[in-house]
Amino acid sequence: MSYPTIELQDKKVILLSGYQMMKTGDRPVEVTDKPKLEDSIKKHGDAVAFTYYAGRWIPAA
């Protein structure tokens, strides 16, 4: 199974969970709690993968 990548804040990240695949529309992935993900990307600038666990985004790699 391949995980989706998205680009936020000029950085490409891999989502391990916290997303829903969309069948139609211009966005292939709907991200859960996107503002918290953006905050986590700022806080953990060197991380390349994130997972959504217990209501928060945490770096995974």
C-alpha atoms as a PDB file:
ATOM      1  CA  MET A   1       0.000   0.000   0.000  1.00  0.00           C
ATOM      2  CA  SER A   2       1.389   3.374  -0.922  1.00  0.00           C
ATOM      3  CA  TYR A   3       0.817   6.362   1.306  1.00  0.00           C
ATOM      4  CA  PRO A   4      -0.193   9.742  -0.107  1.00  0.00           C
ATOM      5  CA  THR A   5       2.151  12.695  -0.177  1.00  0.00           C
ATOM      6  CA  ILE A   6       0.994  16.275   0.080  1.00  0.00           C
ATOM      7  CA  GLU A   7       2.779  19.583  -0.145  1.00  0.00           C
ATOM      8  CA  LEU A   8       2.282  22.051   2.705  1.00  0.00           C
ATOM      9  CA  GLN A   9       4.415  25.065   3.561  1.00  0.00           C
ATOM     10  CA  ASP A  10       6.785  24.368   0.641  1.00  0.00           C
ATOM     11  CA  LYS A  11       7.504  20.885   1.981  1.00  0.00           C
ATOM     12  CA  LYS A  12       6.360  17.494   0.716  1.00  0.00           C
ATOM     13  CA  VAL A  13       5.275  15.139   3.527  1.00  0.00           C
ATOM     14  CA  ILE A  14       3.990  11.560   3.664  1.00  0.00           C
ATOM     15  CA  LEU A  15       0.726  10.895   5.514  1.00  0.00           C
ATOM     16  CA  LEU A  16       0.620   7.548   7.299  1.00  0.00           C
ATOM     17  CA  SER A  17      -2.880   8.097   8.711  1.00  0.00           C
ATOM     18  CA  GLY A  18      -5.302  10.972   9.238  1.00  0.00           C
ATOM     19  CA  TYR A  19      -6.512  11.203   5.675  1.00  0.00           C
ATOM     20  CA  GLN A  20      -9.368  10.012   3.522  1.00  0.00           C
ATOM     21  CA  MET A  21      -8.989   9.189  -0.148  1.00  0.00           C
ATOM     22  CA  MET A  22     -11.422  11.135  -2.340  1.00  0.00           C
ATOM     23  CA  LYS A  23     -12.893   9.597  -5.479  1.00  0.00           C
ATOM     24  CA  THR A  24     -13.859  12.877  -7.125  1.00  0.00           C
ATOM     25  CA  GLY A  25     -12.754  16.478  -7.127  1.00  0.00           C
ATOM     26  CA  ASP A  26      -9.448  18.232  -7.619  1.00  0.00           C
ATOM     27  CA  ARG A  27      -7.941  17.031  -4.326  1.00  0.00           C
ATOM     28  CA  PRO A  28      -7.161  13.299  -4.120  1.00  0.00           C
ATOM     29  CA  VAL A  29      -6.828  13.352  -0.302  1.00  0.00           C
ATOM     30  CA  GLU A  30      -8.859  14.986   2.477  1.00  0.00           C
ATOM     31  CA  VAL A  31      -6.632  15.699   5.512  1.00  0.00           C
ATOM     32  CA  THR A  32      -7.971  15.417   9.070  1.00  0.00           C
ATOM     33  CA  ASP A  33      -7.417  18.561  11.153  1.00  0.00           C
ATOM     34  CA  LYS A  34      -5.167  20.297   8.603  1.00  0.00           C
ATOM     35  CA  PRO A  35      -4.316  23.327  10.839  1.00  0.00           C
ATOM     36  CA  LYS A  36      -2.806  21.010  13.464  1.00  0.00           C
ATOM     37  CA  LEU A  37      -0.791  19.256  10.740  1.00  0.00           C
ATOM     38  CA  GLU A  38       0.597  22.607   9.567  1.00  0.00           C
ATOM     39  CA  ASP A  39       1.596  23.442  13.156  1.00  0.00           C
ATOM     40  CA  SER A  40       3.300  20.081  13.549  1.00  0.00           C
ATOM     41  CA  ILE A  41       5.222  20.580  10.298  1.00  0.00           C
ATOM     42  CA  LYS A  42       6.485  23.937  11.608  1.00  0.00           C
ATOM     43  CA  LYS A  43       7.488  22.404  14.933  1.00  0.00           C
ATOM     44  CA  HIS A  44       9.183  19.326  13.417  1.00  0.00           C
ATOM     45  CA  GLY A  45      10.795  20.781  10.309  1.00  0.00           C
ATOM     46  CA  ASP A  46      13.069  17.819   9.650  1.00  0.00           C
ATOM     47  CA  ALA A  47      10.302  15.175   9.658  1.00  0.00           C
ATOM     48  CA  VAL A  48       9.129  13.732   6.334  1.00  0.00           C
ATOM     49  CA  ALA A  49       6.202  11.558   7.521  1.00  0.00           C
ATOM     50  CA  PHE A  50       3.359  12.289   9.906  1.00  0.00           C
ATOM     51  CA  THR A  51       0.600  10.244  11.508  1.00  0.00           C
ATOM     52  CA  TYR A  52      -2.617  11.349  13.203  1.00  0.00           C
ATOM     53  CA  TYR A  53      -2.962   9.722  16.616  1.00  0.00           C
ATOM     54  CA  ALA A  54      -5.199  10.593  19.594  1.00  0.00           C
ATOM     55  CA  GLY A  55      -6.292  13.900  18.067  1.00  0.00           C
ATOM     56  CA  ARG A  56      -2.859  15.244  17.170  1.00  0.00           C
ATOM     57  CA  TRP A  57      -0.322  15.028  14.365  1.00  0.00           C
ATOM     58  CA  ILE A  58       3.010  13.499  15.346  1.00  0.00           C
ATOM     59  CA  PRO A  59       6.177  13.023  13.269  1.00  0.00           C
ATOM     60  CA  ALA A  60       6.835   9.435  12.280  1.00  0.00           C
ATOM     61  CA  ALA A  61      10.053   9.716  10.305  1.00  0.00           C
END
